[in-house]
PDB file of N, CA and C in Angstrom:
ATOM      1  N   UNK A   1       3.746  26.982 -14.033  1.00  0.00           N
ATOM      2  CA  UNK A   1       3.343  25.586 -13.960  1.00  0.00           C
ATOM      3  C   UNK A   1       4.453  24.724 -14.572  1.00  0.00           C
ATOM      4  N   UNK A   2       4.757  23.641 -13.872  1.00  0.00           N
ATOM      5  CA  UNK A   2       5.784  22.714 -14.361  1.00  0.00           C
ATOM      6  C   UNK A   2       5.161  21.817 -15.420  1.00  0.00           C
ATOM      7  N   UNK A   3       5.853  21.670 -16.536  1.00  0.00           N
ATOM      8  CA  UNK A   3       5.310  20.918 -17.665  1.00  0.00           C
ATOM      9  C   UNK A   3       5.966  19.539 -17.767  1.00  0.00           C
ATOM     10  N   UNK A   4       5.928  18.787 -16.688  1.00  0.00           N
ATOM     11  CA  UNK A   4       6.484  17.436 -16.672  1.00  0.00           C
ATOM     12  C   UNK A   4       5.332  16.448 -16.507  1.00  0.00           C
ATOM     13  N   UNK A   5       4.677  16.142 -17.607  1.00  0.00           N
ATOM     14  CA  UNK A   5       3.473  15.302 -17.574  1.00  0.00           C
ATOM     15  C   UNK A   5       3.766  13.911 -17.023  1.00  0.00           C
ATOM     16  N   UNK A   6       4.975  13.381 -17.226  1.00  0.00           N
ATOM     17  CA  UNK A   6       5.330  12.054 -16.699  1.00  0.00           C
ATOM     18  C   UNK A   6       5.241  12.037 -15.177  1.00  0.00           C
ATOM     19  N   UNK A   7       5.735  13.105 -14.545  1.00  0.00           N
ATOM     20  CA  UNK A   7       5.683  13.193 -13.083  1.00  0.00           C
ATOM     21  C   UNK A   7       4.231  13.229 -12.615  1.00  0.00           C
ATOM     22  N   UNK A   8       3.398  13.973 -13.302  1.00  0.00           N
ATOM     23  CA  UNK A   8       1.977  14.043 -12.944  1.00  0.00           C
ATOM     24  C   UNK A   8       1.290  12.701 -13.144  1.00  0.00           C
ATOM     25  N   UNK A   9       1.665  11.991 -14.202  1.00  0.00           N
ATOM     26  CA  UNK A   9       1.075  10.678 -14.452  1.00  0.00           C
ATOM     27  C   UNK A   9       1.449   9.696 -13.333  1.00  0.00           C
ATOM     28  N   UNK A  10       2.692   9.739 -12.884  1.00  0.00           N
ATOM     29  CA  UNK A  10       3.122   8.850 -11.805  1.00  0.00           C
ATOM     30  C   UNK A  10       2.361   9.137 -10.515  1.00  0.00           C
ATOM     31  N   UNK A  11       2.213  10.411 -10.187  1.00  0.00           N
ATOM     32  CA  UNK A  11       1.461  10.783  -8.981  1.00  0.00           C
ATOM     33  C   UNK A  11       0.001  10.363  -9.119  1.00  0.00           C
ATOM     34  N   UNK A  12      -0.587  10.583 -10.295  1.00  0.00           N
ATOM     35  CA  UNK A  12      -1.979  10.193 -10.523  1.00  0.00           C
ATOM     36  C   UNK A  12      -2.150   8.686 -10.374  1.00  0.00           C
ATOM     37  N   UNK A  13      -1.196   7.915 -10.870  1.00  0.00           N
ATOM     38  CA  UNK A  13      -1.263   6.453 -10.735  1.00  0.00           C
ATOM     39  C   UNK A  13      -1.202   6.029  -9.269  1.00  0.00           C
ATOM     40  N   UNK A  14      -0.334   6.692  -8.494  1.00  0.00           N
ATOM     41  CA  UNK A  14      -0.263   6.386  -7.060  1.00  0.00           C
ATOM     42  C   UNK A  14      -1.584   6.702  -6.366  1.00  0.00           C
ATOM     43  N   UNK A  15      -2.155   7.855  -6.695  1.00  0.00           N
ATOM     44  CA  UNK A  15      -3.423   8.246  -6.074  1.00  0.00           C
ATOM     45  C   UNK A  15      -4.553   7.302  -6.471  1.00  0.00           C
ATOM     46  N   UNK A  16      -4.570   6.875  -7.721  1.00  0.00           N
ATOM     47  CA  UNK A  16      -5.587   5.911  -8.160  1.00  0.00           C
ATOM     48  C   UNK A  16      -5.440   4.590  -7.406  1.00  0.00           C
ATOM     49  N   UNK A  17      -4.202   4.183  -7.198  1.00  0.00           N
ATOM     50  CA  UNK A  17      -3.959   2.906  -6.523  1.00  0.00           C
ATOM     51  C   UNK A  17      -4.450   2.918  -5.085  1.00  0.00           C
ATOM     52  N   UNK A  18      -4.354   4.054  -4.416  1.00  0.00           N
ATOM     53  CA  UNK A  18      -4.801   4.092  -3.022  1.00  0.00           C
ATOM     54  C   UNK A  18      -6.250   4.546  -2.883  1.00  0.00           C
ATOM     55  N   UNK A  19      -6.922   4.745  -3.997  1.00  0.00           N
ATOM     56  CA  UNK A  19      -8.309   5.211  -3.963  1.00  0.00           C
ATOM     57  C   UNK A  19      -9.277   4.054  -3.707  1.00  0.00           C
ATOM     58  N   UNK A  20      -8.960   3.231  -2.733  1.00  0.00           N
ATOM     59  CA  UNK A  20      -9.833   2.123  -2.329  1.00  0.00           C
ATOM     60  C   UNK A  20      -9.659   1.937  -0.822  1.00  0.00           C
ATOM     61  N   UNK A  21     -10.756   1.821  -0.091  1.00  0.00           N
ATOM     62  CA  UNK A  21     -10.659   1.708   1.377  1.00  0.00           C
ATOM     63  C   UNK A  21      -9.758   0.569   1.847  1.00  0.00           C
ATOM     64  N   UNK A  22      -9.830  -0.585   1.209  1.00  0.00           N
ATOM     65  CA  UNK A  22      -8.996  -1.721   1.637  1.00  0.00           C
ATOM     66  C   UNK A  22      -7.521  -1.421   1.426  1.00  0.00           C
ATOM     67  N   UNK A  23      -7.182  -0.750   0.334  1.00  0.00           N
ATOM     68  CA  UNK A  23      -5.771  -0.440   0.068  1.00  0.00           C
ATOM     69  C   UNK A  23      -5.249   0.599   1.044  1.00  0.00           C
ATOM     70  N   UNK A  24      -6.068   1.581   1.376  1.00  0.00           N
ATOM     71  CA  UNK A  24      -5.659   2.559   2.388  1.00  0.00           C
ATOM     72  C   UNK A  24      -5.420   1.845   3.715  1.00  0.00           C
ATOM     73  N   UNK A  25      -6.305   0.940   4.055  1.00  0.00           N
ATOM     74  CA  UNK A  25      -6.173   0.177   5.300  1.00  0.00           C
ATOM     75  C   UNK A  25      -4.902  -0.674   5.287  1.00  0.00           C
ATOM     76  N   UNK A  26      -4.611  -1.315   4.166  1.00  0.00           N
ATOM     77  CA  UNK A  26      -3.391  -2.122   4.044  1.00  0.00           C
ATOM     78  C   UNK A  26      -2.164  -1.242   4.249  1.00  0.00           C
ATOM     79  N   UNK A  27      -2.137  -0.101   3.578  1.00  0.00           N
ATOM     80  CA  UNK A  27      -0.982   0.797   3.680  1.00  0.00           C
ATOM     81  C   UNK A  27      -0.817   1.311   5.102  1.00  0.00           C
ATOM     82  N   UNK A  28      -1.896   1.749   5.711  1.00  0.00           N
ATOM     83  CA  UNK A  28      -1.814   2.246   7.094  1.00  0.00           C
ATOM     84  C   UNK A  28      -1.378   1.143   8.048  1.00  0.00           C
ATOM     85  N   UNK A  29      -1.889  -0.057   7.827  1.00  0.00           N
ATOM     86  CA  UNK A  29      -1.500  -1.178   8.666  1.00  0.00           C
ATOM     87  C   UNK A  29      -0.014  -1.488   8.537  1.00  0.00           C
ATOM     88  N   UNK A  30       0.495  -1.446   7.310  1.00  0.00           N
ATOM     89  CA  UNK A  30       1.917  -1.688   7.101  1.00  0.00           C
ATOM     90  C   UNK A  30       2.763  -0.564   7.681  1.00  0.00           C
ATOM     91  N   UNK A  31       2.267   0.644   7.617  1.00  0.00           N
ATOM     92  CA  UNK A  31       2.989   1.770   8.218  1.00  0.00           C
ATOM     93  C   UNK A  31       3.085   1.580   9.731  1.00  0.00           C
ATOM     94  N   UNK A  32       2.020   1.104  10.339  1.00  0.00           N
ATOM     95  CA  UNK A  32       1.999   0.919  11.794  1.00  0.00           C
ATOM     96  C   UNK A  32       2.777  -0.315  12.242  1.00  0.00           C
ATOM     97  N   UNK A  33       2.632  -1.397  11.502  1.00  0.00           N
ATOM     98  CA  UNK A  33       3.218  -2.683  11.916  1.00  0.00           C
ATOM     99  C   UNK A  33       4.634  -2.883  11.368  1.00  0.00           C
ATOM    100  N   UNK A  34       4.939  -2.247  10.257  1.00  0.00           N
ATOM    101  CA  UNK A  34       6.248  -2.433   9.625  1.00  0.00           C
ATOM    102  C   UNK A  34       6.186  -3.432   8.491  1.00  0.00           C
ATOM    103  N   UNK A  35       5.768  -4.644   8.797  1.00  0.00           N
ATOM    104  CA  UNK A  35       5.571  -5.658   7.760  1.00  0.00           C
ATOM    105  C   UNK A  35       4.640  -6.734   8.305  1.00  0.00           C
ATOM    106  N   UNK A  36       3.967  -7.418   7.396  1.00  0.00           N
ATOM    107  CA  UNK A  36       3.123  -8.549   7.778  1.00  0.00           C
ATOM    108  C   UNK A  36       2.778  -9.349   6.535  1.00  0.00           C
ATOM    109  N   UNK A  37       2.186 -10.514   6.750  1.00  0.00           N
ATOM    110  CA  UNK A  37       1.831 -11.386   5.630  1.00  0.00           C
ATOM    111  C   UNK A  37       0.343 -11.258   5.295  1.00  0.00           C
ATOM    112  N   UNK A  38      -0.041 -11.905   4.210  1.00  0.00           N
ATOM    113  CA  UNK A  38      -1.408 -11.786   3.716  1.00  0.00           C
ATOM    114  C   UNK A  38      -2.425 -12.377   4.693  1.00  0.00           C
ATOM    115  N   UNK A  39      -2.059 -13.426   5.415  1.00  0.00           N
ATOM    116  CA  UNK A  39      -2.990 -14.034   6.379  1.00  0.00           C
ATOM    117  C   UNK A  39      -3.346 -13.054   7.489  1.00  0.00           C
ATOM    118  N   UNK A  40      -2.341 -12.336   7.981  1.00  0.00           N
ATOM    119  CA  UNK A  40      -2.580 -11.336   9.017  1.00  0.00           C
ATOM    120  C   UNK A  40      -3.505 -10.242   8.483  1.00  0.00           C
ATOM    121  N   UNK A  41      -3.235  -9.770   7.263  1.00  0.00           N
ATOM    122  CA  UNK A  41      -4.072  -8.721   6.663  1.00  0.00           C
ATOM    123  C   UNK A  41      -5.494  -9.210   6.442  1.00  0.00           C
ATOM    124  N   UNK A  42      -5.615 -10.450   6.006  1.00  0.00           N
ATOM    125  CA  UNK A  42      -6.931 -11.036   5.758  1.00  0.00           C
ATOM    126  C   UNK A  42      -7.765 -11.014   7.029  1.00  0.00           C
ATOM    127  N   UNK A  43      -7.168 -11.382   8.145  1.00  0.00           N
ATOM    128  CA  UNK A  43      -7.880 -11.382   9.422  1.00  0.00           C
ATOM    129  C   UNK A  43      -8.268  -9.964   9.830  1.00  0.00           C
ATOM    130  N   UNK A  44      -7.352  -9.011   9.651  1.00  0.00           N
ATOM    131  CA  UNK A  44      -7.627  -7.617  10.032  1.00  0.00           C
ATOM    132  C   UNK A  44      -8.705  -6.979   9.157  1.00  0.00           C
ATOM    133  N   UNK A  45      -8.656  -7.279   7.860  1.00  0.00           N
ATOM    134  CA  UNK A  45      -9.593  -6.659   6.919  1.00  0.00           C
ATOM    135  C   UNK A  45     -10.922  -7.400   6.828  1.00  0.00           C
ATOM    136  N   UNK A  46     -10.933  -8.639   7.301  1.00  0.00           N
ATOM    137  CA  UNK A  46     -12.115  -9.487   7.188  1.00  0.00           C
ATOM    138  C   UNK A  46     -12.550  -9.636   5.727  1.00  0.00           C
ATOM    139  N   UNK A  47     -11.561  -9.882   4.874  1.00  0.00           N
ATOM    140  CA  UNK A  47     -11.789 -10.085   3.442  1.00  0.00           C
ATOM    141  C   UNK A  47     -11.196 -11.432   3.042  1.00  0.00           C
ATOM    142  N   UNK A  48     -11.692 -12.032   1.964  1.00  0.00           N
ATOM    143  CA  UNK A  48     -11.096 -13.290   1.493  1.00  0.00           C
ATOM    144  C   UNK A  48      -9.636 -13.083   1.092  1.00  0.00           C
ATOM    145  N   UNK A  49      -8.856 -14.133   1.242  1.00  0.00           N
ATOM    146  CA  UNK A  49      -7.431 -14.068   0.913  1.00  0.00           C
ATOM    147  C   UNK A  49      -7.215 -13.645  -0.534  1.00  0.00           C
ATOM    148  N   UNK A  50      -8.039 -14.120  -1.450  1.00  0.00           N
ATOM    149  CA  UNK A  50      -7.876 -13.771  -2.866  1.00  0.00           C
ATOM    150  C   UNK A  50      -8.085 -12.272  -3.103  1.00  0.00           C
ATOM    151  N   UNK A  51      -9.023 -11.682  -2.382  1.00  0.00           N
ATOM    152  CA  UNK A  51      -9.276 -10.240  -2.510  1.00  0.00           C
ATOM    153  C   UNK A  51      -8.099  -9.441  -1.978  1.00  0.00           C
ATOM    154  N   UNK A  52      -7.582  -9.835  -0.825  1.00  0.00           N
ATOM    155  CA  UNK A  52      -6.417  -9.146  -0.249  1.00  0.00           C
ATOM    156  C   UNK A  52      -5.235  -9.276  -1.201  1.00  0.00           C
ATOM    157  N   UNK A  53      -5.034 -10.464  -1.770  1.00  0.00           N
ATOM    158  CA  UNK A  53      -3.927 -10.678  -2.704  1.00  0.00           C
ATOM    159  C   UNK A  53      -4.045  -9.792  -3.936  1.00  0.00           C
ATOM    160  N   UNK A  54      -5.258  -9.581  -4.425  1.00  0.00           N
ATOM    161  CA  UNK A  54      -5.448  -8.697  -5.580  1.00  0.00           C
ATOM    162  C   UNK A  54      -5.071  -7.260  -5.237  1.00  0.00           C
ATOM    163  N   UNK A  55      -5.454  -6.809  -4.047  1.00  0.00           N
ATOM    164  CA  UNK A  55      -5.086  -5.460  -3.625  1.00  0.00           C
ATOM    165  C   UNK A  55      -3.570  -5.343  -3.459  1.00  0.00           C
ATOM    166  N   UNK A  56      -2.953  -6.358  -2.888  1.00  0.00           N
ATOM    167  CA  UNK A  56      -1.502  -6.355  -2.715  1.00  0.00           C
ATOM    168  C   UNK A  56      -0.795  -6.317  -4.067  1.00  0.00           C
ATOM    169  N   UNK A  57      -1.299  -7.063  -5.027  1.00  0.00           N
ATOM    170  CA  UNK A  57      -0.692  -7.086  -6.355  1.00  0.00           C
ATOM    171  C   UNK A  57      -0.746  -5.705  -7.004  1.00  0.00           C
ATOM    172  N   UNK A  58      -1.864  -5.028  -6.861  1.00  0.00           N
ATOM    173  CA  UNK A  58      -1.996  -3.680  -7.420  1.00  0.00           C
ATOM    174  C   UNK A  58      -0.978  -2.738  -6.777  1.00  0.00           C
ATOM    175  N   UNK A  59      -0.868  -2.788  -5.459  1.00  0.00           N
ATOM    176  CA  UNK A  59       0.075  -1.928  -4.745  1.00  0.00           C
ATOM    177  C   UNK A  59       1.520  -2.286  -5.090  1.00  0.00           C
ATOM    178  N   UNK A  60       1.781  -3.554  -5.226  1.00  0.00           N
ATOM    179  CA  UNK A  60       3.135  -4.012  -5.541  1.00  0.00           C
ATOM    180  C   UNK A  60       3.531  -3.632  -6.965  1.00  0.00           C
ATOM    181  N   UNK A  61       2.599  -3.725  -7.895  1.00  0.00           N
ATOM    182  CA  UNK A  61       2.914  -3.426  -9.298  1.00  0.00           C
ATOM    183  C   UNK A  61       3.314  -1.966  -9.501  1.00  0.00           C
ATOM    184  N   UNK A  62       2.876  -1.101  -8.608  1.00  0.00           N
ATOM    185  CA  UNK A  62       3.226   0.321  -8.703  1.00  0.00           C
ATOM    186  C   UNK A  62       4.386   0.700  -7.784  1.00  0.00           C
ATOM    187  N   UNK A  63       4.977  -0.290  -7.137  1.00  0.00           N
ATOM    188  CA  UNK A  63       6.124  -0.024  -6.283  1.00  0.00           C
ATOM    189  C   UNK A  63       5.777   0.623  -4.952  1.00  0.00           C
ATOM    190  N   UNK A  64       4.512   0.530  -4.555  1.00  0.00           N
ATOM    191  CA  UNK A  64       4.080   1.104  -3.279  1.00  0.00           C
ATOM    192  C   UNK A  64       4.504   0.208  -2.122  1.00  0.00           C
ATOM    193  N   UNK A  65       4.407  -1.097  -2.351  1.00  0.00           N
ATOM    194  CA  UNK A  65       4.840  -2.066  -1.340  1.00  0.00           C
ATOM    195  C   UNK A  65       5.818  -3.035  -1.991  1.00  0.00           C
ATOM    196  N   UNK A  66       6.515  -3.781  -1.144  1.00  0.00           N
ATOM    197  CA  UNK A  66       7.384  -4.842  -1.631  1.00  0.00           C
ATOM    198  C   UNK A  66       7.129  -6.080  -0.786  1.00  0.00           C
ATOM    199  N   UNK A  67       7.414  -7.224  -1.355  1.00  0.00           N
ATOM    200  CA  UNK A  67       7.251  -8.480  -0.651  1.00  0.00           C
ATOM    201  C   UNK A  67       8.588  -9.156  -0.463  1.00  0.00           C
ATOM    202  N   UNK A  68       8.782  -9.716   0.709  1.00  0.00           N
ATOM    203  CA  UNK A  68      10.015 -10.423   1.017  1.00  0.00           C
ATOM    204  C   UNK A  68       9.662 -11.820   1.502  1.00  0.00           C
ATOM    205  N   UNK A  69      10.162 -12.816   0.783  1.00  0.00           N
ATOM    206  CA  UNK A  69       9.851 -14.199   1.127  1.00  0.00           C
ATOM    207  C   UNK A  69      10.548 -14.598   2.421  1.00  0.00           C
ATOM    208  N   UNK A  70       9.770 -15.264   3.278  1.00  0.00           N
ATOM    209  CA  UNK A  70      10.285 -15.793   4.542  1.00  0.00           C
ATOM    210  C   UNK A  70       9.744 -17.212   4.664  1.00  0.00           C
ATOM    211  N   UNK A  71      10.474 -18.163   4.124  1.00  0.00           N
ATOM    212  CA  UNK A  71       9.975 -19.535   4.103  1.00  0.00           C
ATOM    213  C   UNK A  71       8.832 -19.656   3.118  1.00  0.00           C
ATOM    214  N   UNK A  72       7.680 -20.098   3.611  1.00  0.00           N
ATOM    215  CA  UNK A  72       6.514 -20.271   2.752  1.00  0.00           C
ATOM    216  C   UNK A  72       5.649 -19.021   2.643  1.00  0.00           C
ATOM    217  N   UNK A  73       5.934 -18.030   3.439  1.00  0.00           N
ATOM    218  CA  UNK A  73       5.093 -16.827   3.401  1.00  0.00           C
ATOM    219  C   UNK A  73       5.874 -15.629   2.884  1.00  0.00           C
ATOM    220  N   UNK A  74       5.128 -14.620   2.462  1.00  0.00           N
ATOM    221  CA  UNK A  74       5.719 -13.373   1.995  1.00  0.00           C
ATOM    222  C   UNK A  74       5.288 -12.274   2.956  1.00  0.00           C
ATOM    223  N   UNK A  75       6.249 -11.549   3.469  1.00  0.00           N
ATOM    224  CA  UNK A  75       5.968 -10.406   4.338  1.00  0.00           C
ATOM    225  C   UNK A  75       6.050  -9.142   3.506  1.00  0.00           C
ATOM    226  N   UNK A  76       5.019  -8.336   3.589  1.00  0.00           N
ATOM    227  CA  UNK A  76       4.925  -7.112   2.807  1.00  0.00           C
ATOM    228  C   UNK A  76       5.279  -5.907   3.663  1.00  0.00           C
ATOM    229  N   UNK A  77       5.869  -4.901   3.016  1.00  0.00           N
ATOM    230  CA  UNK A  77       6.195  -3.649   3.692  1.00  0.00           C
ATOM    231  C   UNK A  77       6.116  -2.501   2.686  1.00  0.00           C
ATOM    232  N   UNK A  78       6.045  -1.289   3.191  1.00  0.00           N
ATOM    233  CA  UNK A  78       5.978  -0.098   2.340  1.00  0.00           C
ATOM    234  C   UNK A  78       7.341   0.129   1.704  1.00  0.00           C
ATOM    235  N   UNK A  79       7.344   0.463   0.421  1.00  0.00           N
ATOM    236  CA  UNK A  79       8.609   0.729  -0.266  1.00  0.00           C
ATOM    237  C   UNK A  79       8.595   2.086  -0.973  1.00  0.00           C
ATOM    238  N   UNK A  80       7.619   2.926  -0.651  1.00  0.00           N
ATOM    239  CA  UNK A  80       7.480   4.208  -1.338  1.00  0.00           C
ATOM    240  C   UNK A  80       7.250   5.320  -0.314  1.00  0.00           C
ATOM    241  N   UNK A  81       8.225   6.181  -0.157  1.00  0.00           N
ATOM    242  CA  UNK A  81       8.137   7.283   0.817  1.00  0.00           C
ATOM    243  C   UNK A  81       7.027   8.271   0.470  1.00  0.00           C
ATOM    244  N   UNK A  82       6.765   8.467  -0.814  1.00  0.00           N
ATOM    245  CA  UNK A  82       5.713   9.402  -1.228  1.00  0.00           C
ATOM    246  C   UNK A  82       4.366   8.970  -0.673  1.00  0.00           C
ATOM    247  N   UNK A  83       4.087   7.678  -0.716  1.00  0.00           N
ATOM    248  CA  UNK A  83       2.819   7.158  -0.191  1.00  0.00           C
ATOM    249  C   UNK A  83       2.727   7.400   1.308  1.00  0.00           C
ATOM    250  N   UNK A  84       3.835   7.199   2.011  1.00  0.00           N
ATOM    251  CA  UNK A  84       3.837   7.462   3.455  1.00  0.00           C
ATOM    252  C   UNK A  84       3.484   8.923   3.717  1.00  0.00           C
ATOM    253  N   UNK A  85       4.065   9.828   2.939  1.00  0.00           N
ATOM    254  CA  UNK A  85       3.774  11.255   3.092  1.00  0.00           C
ATOM    255  C   UNK A  85       2.320  11.573   2.778  1.00  0.00           C
ATOM    256  N   UNK A  86       1.774  10.939   1.739  1.00  0.00           N
ATOM    257  CA  UNK A  86       0.371  11.165   1.363  1.00  0.00           C
ATOM    258  C   UNK A  86      -0.558  10.685   2.473  1.00  0.00           C
ATOM    259  N   UNK A  87      -0.325   9.481   2.979  1.00  0.00           N
ATOM    260  CA  UNK A  87      -1.178   8.931   4.028  1.00  0.00           C
ATOM    261  C   UNK A  87      -1.064   9.779   5.307  1.00  0.00           C
ATOM    262  N   UNK A  88       0.141  10.215   5.637  1.00  0.00           N
ATOM    263  CA  UNK A  88       0.319  11.087   6.802  1.00  0.00           C
ATOM    264  C   UNK A  88      -0.396  12.411   6.608  1.00  0.00           C
ATOM    265  N   UNK A  89      -0.465  12.917   5.394  1.00  0.00           N
ATOM    266  CA  UNK A  89      -1.186  14.169   5.126  1.00  0.00           C
ATOM    267  C   UNK A  89      -2.706  13.963   5.253  1.00  0.00           C
ATOM    268  N   UNK A  90      -3.175  12.791   4.854  1.00  0.00           N
ATOM    269  CA  UNK A  90      -4.617  12.494   4.936  1.00  0.00           C
ATOM    270  C   UNK A  90      -5.044  12.283   6.387  1.00  0.00           C
ATOM    271  N   UNK A  91      -4.166  11.662   7.167  1.00  0.00           N
ATOM    272  CA  UNK A  91      -4.443  11.360   8.571  1.00  0.00           C
ATOM    273  C   UNK A  91      -3.421  12.074   9.463  1.00  0.00           C
ATOM    274  N   UNK A  92      -3.436  13.406   9.496  1.00  0.00           N
ATOM    275  CA  UNK A  92      -2.379  14.143  10.199  1.00  0.00           C
ATOM    276  C   UNK A  92      -2.330  13.905  11.699  1.00  0.00           C
ATOM    277  N   UNK A  93      -3.450  13.618  12.330  1.00  0.00           N
ATOM    278  CA  UNK A  93      -3.481  13.436  13.776  1.00  0.00           C
ATOM    279  C   UNK A  93      -2.966  12.075  14.213  1.00  0.00           C
ATOM    280  N   UNK A  94      -2.751  11.177  13.260  1.00  0.00           N
ATOM    281  CA  UNK A  94      -2.358   9.824  13.590  1.00  0.00           C
ATOM    282  C   UNK A  94      -0.948   9.484  13.165  1.00  0.00           C
ATOM    283  N   UNK A  95      -0.175  10.446  12.668  1.00  0.00           N
ATOM    284  CA  UNK A  95       1.191  10.149  12.220  1.00  0.00           C
ATOM    285  C   UNK A  95       2.190  10.315  13.328  1.00  0.00           C
TER     286      UNK A  95
END
């Protein structure tokens, strides 16, 4: 057994962050679309903008996604290959 508790803590934090249906949906949507803004996600998820923003903030704080400003809007995209691998493992028939 590898005794690198920091590595395990990082993986556990990533798994905790995606342990919500809306966050999984956001990640899968970004994987499929490449990037999009919060308004697009809000329409797809049928959730209030503030709720989507809270989920995005959680994902962004852990480096799972990144935001790139484009004028007045921010386009989000996946910035963590490990998450892509995890989601592909969970949904193997759709990768």
